[in-house]
Amino acid sequence: MKYKDFFTPKHALKTGLNPHEAAAGRRLIGGQIGRIRRHFKDLHKNRDPSAPGAPDLADFDQVLNHWGITRAQLPEVIKVLKLEMWLYAFFSIPGFWLFYLFLQNFNFFFLTSSVLLIVMSSTVFVCRWWRVKVLQDQQFIFFKDWFLGRESEL
């Protein structure tokens, strides 16, 4: 059955649904899909560094202001970010252990759970590491450039 045939009055009658309920279901699902599409479309809309009102990335004080940090808070923020970084690194250790353990006897649920734990904790670890690096160097570098080892183009 094709997606377009789902929730049509003909399909509703075949499955015993009220055609009005089927139409309401179609509108509900279509509205949610449209909302998700709009969200993905708008996700990077305000991330243009040359957009009006965007901070000058060469001026570190504007970057701090954009991130909601003052110069006085900078050492404390770096300390907390490092603590979070190592906390998530600690979370990945059981993930690796579970991955190894359940790879031996292949328990699908625990195997996928451990992979998700590893991926999520590693992602947060790397993002915190980038932010600590930017705050310590007091020079903004885009995450993509930092991750790929490029020099800052600012």
N, C-alpha and C. Protein backbone atom coordinates (compact mmCIF):
# COMPACT_ATOMS: atom_id res chain seq x y z
N MET A 1 0.84 -1.17 0.00
CA MET A 1 0.00 0.00 0.00
C MET A 1 0.89 1.24 0.00
N LYS A 2 0.55 2.23 -0.80
CA LYS A 2 1.30 3.46 -0.88
C LYS A 2 0.90 4.39 0.26
N TYR A 3 1.77 5.34 0.55
CA TYR A 3 1.51 6.30 1.61
C TYR A 3 0.26 7.12 1.33
N LYS A 4 0.07 7.49 0.06
CA LYS A 4 -1.08 8.33 -0.30
C LYS A 4 -2.41 7.59 -0.14
N ASP A 5 -2.37 6.26 -0.21
CA ASP A 5 -3.60 5.48 -0.06
C ASP A 5 -3.98 5.29 1.40
N PHE A 6 -3.06 5.60 2.30
CA PHE A 6 -3.32 5.40 3.71
C PHE A 6 -4.28 6.48 4.20
N PHE A 7 -5.25 6.13 4.97
CA PHE A 7 -6.26 7.03 5.55
C PHE A 7 -7.20 7.64 4.50
N THR A 8 -7.31 7.06 3.33
CA THR A 8 -8.31 7.52 2.37
C THR A 8 -9.66 6.96 2.78
N PRO A 9 -10.76 7.55 2.33
CA PRO A 9 -12.07 7.01 2.70
C PRO A 9 -12.22 5.54 2.31
N LYS A 10 -11.68 5.15 1.15
CA LYS A 10 -11.76 3.75 0.72
C LYS A 10 -11.02 2.84 1.71
N HIS A 11 -9.82 3.25 2.10
CA HIS A 11 -9.04 2.47 3.06
C HIS A 11 -9.74 2.45 4.42
N ALA A 12 -10.34 3.57 4.80
CA ALA A 12 -11.04 3.64 6.08
C ALA A 12 -12.19 2.65 6.12
N LEU A 13 -12.97 2.59 5.03
CA LEU A 13 -14.10 1.66 4.99
C LEU A 13 -13.62 0.21 5.01
N LYS A 14 -12.51 -0.08 4.35
CA LYS A 14 -11.98 -1.44 4.35
C LYS A 14 -11.54 -1.87 5.75
N THR A 15 -10.96 -0.96 6.48
CA THR A 15 -10.44 -1.30 7.80
C THR A 15 -11.47 -1.09 8.91
N GLY A 16 -12.62 -0.55 8.57
CA GLY A 16 -13.67 -0.36 9.56
C GLY A 16 -13.59 0.95 10.31
N LEU A 17 -12.81 1.89 9.80
CA LEU A 17 -12.73 3.20 10.45
C LEU A 17 -13.82 4.12 9.90
N ASN A 18 -14.18 5.08 10.70
CA ASN A 18 -15.07 6.12 10.24
C ASN A 18 -14.28 7.01 9.27
N PRO A 19 -14.81 7.33 8.08
CA PRO A 19 -14.06 8.17 7.13
C PRO A 19 -13.67 9.53 7.72
N HIS A 20 -14.49 10.07 8.61
CA HIS A 20 -14.15 11.35 9.24
C HIS A 20 -12.96 11.20 10.18
N GLU A 21 -12.90 10.07 10.90
CA GLU A 21 -11.74 9.81 11.76
C GLU A 21 -10.49 9.62 10.93
N ALA A 22 -10.63 8.95 9.80
CA ALA A 22 -9.48 8.75 8.92
C ALA A 22 -8.98 10.09 8.38
N ALA A 23 -9.90 10.98 8.01
CA ALA A 23 -9.50 12.30 7.51
C ALA A 23 -8.81 13.09 8.62
N ALA A 24 -9.31 12.98 9.85
CA ALA A 24 -8.68 13.67 10.97
C ALA A 24 -7.27 13.12 11.21
N GLY A 25 -7.12 11.80 11.10
CA GLY A 25 -5.80 11.19 11.26
C GLY A 25 -4.84 11.64 10.18
N ARG A 26 -5.33 11.74 8.94
CA ARG A 26 -4.50 12.20 7.84
C ARG A 26 -4.05 13.64 8.06
N ARG A 27 -4.99 14.49 8.52
CA ARG A 27 -4.62 15.89 8.79
C ARG A 27 -3.62 15.98 9.94
N LEU A 28 -3.81 15.16 10.96
CA LEU A 28 -2.90 15.18 12.10
C LEU A 28 -1.51 14.75 11.69
N ILE A 29 -1.39 13.65 10.97
CA ILE A 29 -0.08 13.17 10.54
C ILE A 29 0.55 14.14 9.55
N GLY A 30 -0.24 14.65 8.62
CA GLY A 30 0.29 15.62 7.65
C GLY A 30 0.77 16.88 8.33
N GLY A 31 0.03 17.34 9.34
CA GLY A 31 0.45 18.54 10.08
C GLY A 31 1.75 18.31 10.83
N GLN A 32 1.90 17.14 11.43
CA GLN A 32 3.13 16.84 12.16
C GLN A 32 4.32 16.72 11.20
N ILE A 33 4.10 16.08 10.07
CA ILE A 33 5.19 15.96 9.09
C ILE A 33 5.57 17.34 8.57
N GLY A 34 4.59 18.19 8.32
CA GLY A 34 4.88 19.56 7.89
C GLY A 34 5.63 20.35 8.95
N ARG A 35 5.28 20.14 10.20
CA ARG A 35 5.97 20.83 11.29
C ARG A 35 7.42 20.38 11.39
N ILE A 36 7.65 19.10 11.22
CA ILE A 36 9.02 18.58 11.26
C ILE A 36 9.84 19.13 10.08
N ARG A 37 9.22 19.18 8.91
CA ARG A 37 9.92 19.74 7.73
C ARG A 37 10.27 21.20 7.95
N ARG A 38 9.34 21.99 8.50
CA ARG A 38 9.61 23.40 8.77
C ARG A 38 10.72 23.55 9.79
N HIS A 39 10.73 22.67 10.80
CA HIS A 39 11.77 22.75 11.81
C HIS A 39 13.14 22.51 11.20
N PHE A 40 13.26 21.48 10.35
CA PHE A 40 14.55 21.22 9.72
C PHE A 40 14.95 22.34 8.76
N LYS A 41 13.97 22.96 8.14
CA LYS A 41 14.26 24.07 7.23
C LYS A 41 14.76 25.29 8.00
N ASP A 42 14.15 25.55 9.16
CA ASP A 42 14.51 26.72 9.96
C ASP A 42 15.69 26.48 10.89
N LEU A 43 16.18 25.25 10.95
CA LEU A 43 17.20 24.90 11.92
C LEU A 43 18.45 25.76 11.76
N HIS A 44 18.90 25.95 10.55
CA HIS A 44 20.14 26.70 10.32
C HIS A 44 19.87 28.10 9.77
N LYS A 45 18.64 28.54 9.85
CA LYS A 45 18.27 29.83 9.28
C LYS A 45 19.00 30.98 10.00
N ASN A 46 19.10 30.91 11.31
CA ASN A 46 19.70 31.99 12.09
C ASN A 46 21.15 31.72 12.44
N ARG A 47 21.80 30.84 11.73
CA ARG A 47 23.18 30.50 12.07
C ARG A 47 24.19 31.11 11.09
N ASP A 48 23.76 32.04 10.28
CA ASP A 48 24.65 32.68 9.34
C ASP A 48 25.53 33.67 10.09
N PRO A 49 26.87 33.51 10.08
CA PRO A 49 27.72 34.43 10.84
C PRO A 49 27.75 35.84 10.28
N SER A 50 27.31 36.04 9.05
CA SER A 50 27.29 37.38 8.48
C SER A 50 25.89 37.99 8.48
N ALA A 51 24.95 37.35 9.17
CA ALA A 51 23.58 37.86 9.24
C ALA A 51 23.53 39.12 10.10
N PRO A 52 22.56 40.00 9.85
CA PRO A 52 22.44 41.19 10.69
C PRO A 52 22.15 40.81 12.14
N GLY A 53 22.85 41.44 13.07
CA GLY A 53 22.67 41.16 14.48
C GLY A 53 23.53 40.03 15.01
N ALA A 54 24.23 39.34 14.12
CA ALA A 54 25.12 38.26 14.56
C ALA A 54 26.37 38.87 15.17
N PRO A 55 26.96 38.20 16.16
CA PRO A 55 28.16 38.77 16.78
C PRO A 55 29.35 38.73 15.82
N ASP A 56 30.25 39.70 16.00
CA ASP A 56 31.49 39.70 15.24
C ASP A 56 32.37 38.62 15.85
N LEU A 57 32.62 37.56 15.10
CA LEU A 57 33.32 36.41 15.65
C LEU A 57 34.80 36.68 15.89
N ALA A 58 35.33 37.75 15.33
CA ALA A 58 36.72 38.12 15.61
C ALA A 58 36.84 38.81 16.96
N ASP A 59 35.74 39.37 17.46
CA ASP A 59 35.72 40.03 18.78
C ASP A 59 35.22 39.01 19.81
N PHE A 60 36.13 38.56 20.67
CA PHE A 60 35.79 37.50 21.61
C PHE A 60 34.76 37.95 22.65
N ASP A 61 34.75 39.24 22.99
CA ASP A 61 33.76 39.73 23.95
C ASP A 61 32.34 39.60 23.40
N GLN A 62 32.16 39.81 22.11
CA GLN A 62 30.84 39.63 21.50
C GLN A 62 30.44 38.16 21.48
N VAL A 63 31.40 37.28 21.27
CA VAL A 63 31.11 35.84 21.30
C VAL A 63 30.68 35.44 22.71
N LEU A 64 31.40 35.94 23.72
CA LEU A 64 31.03 35.65 25.11
C LEU A 64 29.64 36.17 25.42
N ASN A 65 29.34 37.38 24.97
CA ASN A 65 28.02 37.96 25.19
C ASN A 65 26.94 37.13 24.50
N HIS A 66 27.23 36.66 23.32
CA HIS A 66 26.28 35.83 22.56
C HIS A 66 26.02 34.50 23.28
N TRP A 67 27.05 33.95 23.93
CA TRP A 67 26.92 32.70 24.68
C TRP A 67 26.39 32.93 26.09
N GLY A 68 26.22 34.20 26.49
CA GLY A 68 25.68 34.51 27.82
C GLY A 68 26.70 34.35 28.93
N ILE A 69 27.96 34.63 28.64
CA ILE A 69 29.04 34.49 29.61
C ILE A 69 29.73 35.84 29.76
N THR A 70 30.08 36.18 30.99
CA THR A 70 30.87 37.40 31.23
C THR A 70 32.33 36.99 31.45
N ARG A 71 33.22 37.97 31.38
CA ARG A 71 34.64 37.69 31.61
C ARG A 71 34.88 37.16 33.03
N ALA A 72 34.11 37.66 33.98
CA ALA A 72 34.28 37.22 35.37
C ALA A 72 33.86 35.76 35.54
N GLN A 73 32.92 35.30 34.76
CA GLN A 73 32.44 33.92 34.87
C GLN A 73 33.30 32.94 34.09
N LEU A 74 34.19 33.42 33.26
CA LEU A 74 34.94 32.57 32.34
C LEU A 74 35.70 31.43 33.04
N PRO A 75 36.49 31.66 34.10
CA PRO A 75 37.19 30.53 34.73
C PRO A 75 36.23 29.48 35.30
N GLU A 76 35.14 29.93 35.89
CA GLU A 76 34.17 28.99 36.46
C GLU A 76 33.47 28.18 35.37
N VAL A 77 33.14 28.82 34.27
CA VAL A 77 32.48 28.12 33.15
C VAL A 77 33.42 27.07 32.56
N ILE A 78 34.70 27.42 32.42
CA ILE A 78 35.68 26.46 31.88
C ILE A 78 35.79 25.27 32.82
N LYS A 79 35.83 25.53 34.14
CA LYS A 79 35.94 24.45 35.12
C LYS A 79 34.73 23.52 35.06
N VAL A 80 33.53 24.10 34.94
CA VAL A 80 32.31 23.29 34.88
C VAL A 80 32.25 22.50 33.58
N LEU A 81 32.65 23.11 32.46
CA LEU A 81 32.65 22.40 31.19
C LEU A 81 33.64 21.23 31.20
N LYS A 82 34.79 21.43 31.84
CA LYS A 82 35.75 20.32 31.95
C LYS A 82 35.18 19.20 32.81
N LEU A 83 34.49 19.58 33.88
CA LEU A 83 33.86 18.56 34.73
C LEU A 83 32.81 17.78 33.95
N GLU A 84 31.96 18.47 33.18
CA GLU A 84 30.97 17.80 32.34
C GLU A 84 31.64 16.90 31.31
N MET A 85 32.74 17.40 30.75
CA MET A 85 33.45 16.64 29.74
C MET A 85 33.92 15.30 30.30
N TRP A 86 34.53 15.31 31.44
CA TRP A 86 35.04 14.08 32.03
C TRP A 86 33.93 13.21 32.57
N LEU A 87 32.82 13.83 32.97
CA LEU A 87 31.68 13.05 33.42
C LEU A 87 31.11 12.22 32.26
N TYR A 88 30.99 12.84 31.09
CA TYR A 88 30.50 12.10 29.92
C TYR A 88 31.52 11.08 29.43
N ALA A 89 32.80 11.37 29.60
CA ALA A 89 33.81 10.36 29.26
C ALA A 89 33.66 9.16 30.19
N PHE A 90 33.35 9.42 31.45
CA PHE A 90 33.11 8.34 32.40
C PHE A 90 31.88 7.53 32.03
N PHE A 91 30.83 8.21 31.48
CA PHE A 91 29.62 7.51 31.04
C PHE A 91 29.90 6.57 29.88
N SER A 92 30.88 6.89 29.06
CA SER A 92 31.14 6.04 27.90
C SER A 92 31.87 4.75 28.29
N ILE A 93 32.53 4.72 29.43
CA ILE A 93 33.25 3.51 29.85
C ILE A 93 32.30 2.33 30.02
N PRO A 94 31.17 2.47 30.76
CA PRO A 94 30.24 1.34 30.82
C PRO A 94 29.66 0.98 29.45
N GLY A 95 29.54 1.98 28.58
CA GLY A 95 29.04 1.71 27.23
C GLY A 95 29.98 0.79 26.47
N PHE A 96 31.28 1.08 26.55
CA PHE A 96 32.26 0.21 25.89
C PHE A 96 32.28 -1.18 26.52
N TRP A 97 32.19 -1.23 27.84
CA TRP A 97 32.18 -2.52 28.54
C TRP A 97 30.96 -3.34 28.14
N LEU A 98 29.77 -2.70 28.13
CA LEU A 98 28.55 -3.40 27.73
C LEU A 98 28.61 -3.83 26.27
N PHE A 99 29.17 -2.99 25.43
CA PHE A 99 29.30 -3.34 24.02
C PHE A 99 30.15 -4.60 23.86
N TYR A 100 31.28 -4.64 24.56
CA TYR A 100 32.14 -5.82 24.48
C TYR A 100 31.43 -7.05 25.05
N LEU A 101 30.77 -6.87 26.19
CA LEU A 101 30.11 -7.99 26.86
C LEU A 101 28.98 -8.58 26.01
N PHE A 102 28.13 -7.71 25.47
CA PHE A 102 26.96 -8.20 24.73
C PHE A 102 27.27 -8.48 23.26
N LEU A 103 28.47 -8.11 22.81
CA LEU A 103 28.89 -8.52 21.48
C LEU A 103 29.23 -10.01 21.48
N GLN A 104 29.69 -10.49 22.64
CA GLN A 104 30.05 -11.90 22.76
C GLN A 104 28.83 -12.81 22.61
N ASN A 105 27.72 -12.46 23.29
CA ASN A 105 26.52 -13.32 23.22
C ASN A 105 25.39 -12.69 22.43
N PHE A 106 25.63 -11.57 21.78
CA PHE A 106 24.71 -10.87 20.89
C PHE A 106 23.30 -10.74 21.45
N ASN A 107 23.17 -9.85 22.39
CA ASN A 107 21.88 -9.43 22.89
C ASN A 107 21.59 -8.09 22.20
N PHE A 108 20.67 -8.09 21.26
CA PHE A 108 20.45 -6.92 20.40
C PHE A 108 20.07 -5.67 21.18
N PHE A 109 19.18 -5.80 22.16
CA PHE A 109 18.73 -4.63 22.92
C PHE A 109 19.89 -3.97 23.66
N PHE A 110 20.67 -4.75 24.38
CA PHE A 110 21.78 -4.18 25.14
C PHE A 110 22.91 -3.73 24.23
N LEU A 111 23.08 -4.40 23.10
CA LEU A 111 24.09 -3.99 22.14
C LEU A 111 23.77 -2.61 21.57
N THR A 112 22.53 -2.41 21.15
CA THR A 112 22.15 -1.09 20.62
C THR A 112 22.14 -0.04 21.71
N SER A 113 21.74 -0.42 22.92
CA SER A 113 21.77 0.54 24.03
C SER A 113 23.19 0.99 24.32
N SER A 114 24.11 0.07 24.30
CA SER A 114 25.50 0.45 24.58
C SER A 114 26.06 1.32 23.46
N VAL A 115 25.71 1.03 22.22
CA VAL A 115 26.18 1.86 21.11
C VAL A 115 25.61 3.27 21.23
N LEU A 116 24.33 3.38 21.58
CA LEU A 116 23.74 4.70 21.77
C LEU A 116 24.40 5.46 22.91
N LEU A 117 24.70 4.77 24.00
CA LEU A 117 25.38 5.40 25.12
C LEU A 117 26.76 5.90 24.72
N ILE A 118 27.47 5.10 23.95
CA ILE A 118 28.81 5.51 23.49
C ILE A 118 28.71 6.71 22.56
N VAL A 119 27.80 6.67 21.60
CA VAL A 119 27.68 7.76 20.63
C VAL A 119 27.25 9.06 21.31
N MET A 120 26.26 8.98 22.18
CA MET A 120 25.77 10.19 22.83
C MET A 120 26.82 10.79 23.76
N SER A 121 27.45 9.98 24.57
CA SER A 121 28.44 10.52 25.50
C SER A 121 29.67 11.03 24.76
N SER A 122 30.07 10.37 23.69
CA SER A 122 31.21 10.84 22.91
C SER A 122 30.90 12.16 22.21
N THR A 123 29.69 12.30 21.72
CA THR A 123 29.29 13.55 21.06
C THR A 123 29.32 14.72 22.03
N VAL A 124 28.76 14.53 23.21
CA VAL A 124 28.77 15.59 24.21
C VAL A 124 30.20 15.90 24.64
N PHE A 125 31.03 14.87 24.82
CA PHE A 125 32.43 15.05 25.20
C PHE A 125 33.15 15.92 24.18
N VAL A 126 33.00 15.62 22.89
CA VAL A 126 33.71 16.37 21.84
C VAL A 126 33.19 17.81 21.76
N CYS A 127 31.88 18.01 21.90
CA CYS A 127 31.33 19.37 21.85
C CYS A 127 31.81 20.21 23.02
N ARG A 128 31.88 19.61 24.20
CA ARG A 128 32.39 20.35 25.38
C ARG A 128 33.88 20.65 25.21
N TRP A 129 34.60 19.71 24.62
CA TRP A 129 36.02 19.91 24.40
C TRP A 129 36.24 21.11 23.48
N TRP A 130 35.46 21.22 22.41
CA TRP A 130 35.56 22.36 21.50
C TRP A 130 35.28 23.67 22.22
N ARG A 131 34.22 23.68 23.03
CA ARG A 131 33.87 24.91 23.72
C ARG A 131 34.94 25.31 24.72
N VAL A 132 35.51 24.35 25.44
CA VAL A 132 36.60 24.64 26.37
C VAL A 132 37.80 25.20 25.61
N LYS A 133 38.09 24.62 24.47
CA LYS A 133 39.22 25.09 23.65
C LYS A 133 39.00 26.54 23.20
N VAL A 134 37.78 26.86 22.77
CA VAL A 134 37.48 28.22 22.35
C VAL A 134 37.61 29.18 23.52
N LEU A 135 37.08 28.81 24.68
CA LEU A 135 37.12 29.69 25.83
C LEU A 135 38.53 29.85 26.38
N GLN A 136 39.34 28.80 26.36
CA GLN A 136 40.71 28.91 26.85
C GLN A 136 41.58 29.74 25.91
N ASP A 137 41.42 29.54 24.61
CA ASP A 137 42.23 30.29 23.63
C ASP A 137 41.70 31.71 23.44
N GLN A 138 40.48 31.96 23.87
CA GLN A 138 39.80 33.24 23.70
C GLN A 138 39.82 33.70 22.25
N GLN A 139 39.58 32.75 21.39
CA GLN A 139 39.46 33.02 19.97
C GLN A 139 38.45 32.04 19.40
N PHE A 140 37.44 32.56 18.72
CA PHE A 140 36.40 31.69 18.18
C PHE A 140 36.91 30.96 16.95
N ILE A 141 36.58 29.69 16.88
CA ILE A 141 36.84 28.88 15.70
C ILE A 141 35.60 28.03 15.48
N PHE A 142 35.17 27.91 14.26
CA PHE A 142 33.99 27.10 13.98
C PHE A 142 34.27 25.65 14.34
N PHE A 143 33.24 24.96 14.81
CA PHE A 143 33.39 23.58 15.24
C PHE A 143 33.92 22.70 14.13
N LYS A 144 33.38 22.90 12.93
CA LYS A 144 33.82 22.08 11.79
C LYS A 144 35.30 22.28 11.51
N ASP A 145 35.77 23.53 11.57
CA ASP A 145 37.19 23.79 11.32
C ASP A 145 38.05 23.22 12.43
N TRP A 146 37.60 23.34 13.68
CA TRP A 146 38.35 22.78 14.81
C TRP A 146 38.42 21.26 14.70
N PHE A 147 37.30 20.65 14.37
CA PHE A 147 37.23 19.19 14.29
C PHE A 147 38.13 18.65 13.19
N LEU A 148 38.20 19.38 12.07
CA LEU A 148 39.03 18.95 10.95
C LEU A 148 40.47 19.42 11.06
N GLY A 149 40.81 20.16 12.13
CA GLY A 149 42.19 20.59 12.36
C GLY A 149 42.62 21.75 11.51
N ARG A 150 41.67 22.52 11.02
CA ARG A 150 42.02 23.69 10.19
C ARG A 150 42.32 24.89 11.09
N GLU A 151 43.00 25.86 10.52
CA GLU A 151 43.24 27.11 11.22
C GLU A 151 42.00 27.99 11.12
N SER A 152 41.85 28.87 12.07
CA SER A 152 40.71 29.79 12.07
C SER A 152 40.82 30.76 10.90
N GLU A 153 39.71 30.98 10.23
CA GLU A 153 39.69 31.89 9.09
C GLU A 153 39.23 33.29 9.48
N LEU A 154 39.07 33.53 10.79
CA LEU A 154 38.58 34.83 11.24
C LEU A 154 39.68 35.82 11.35
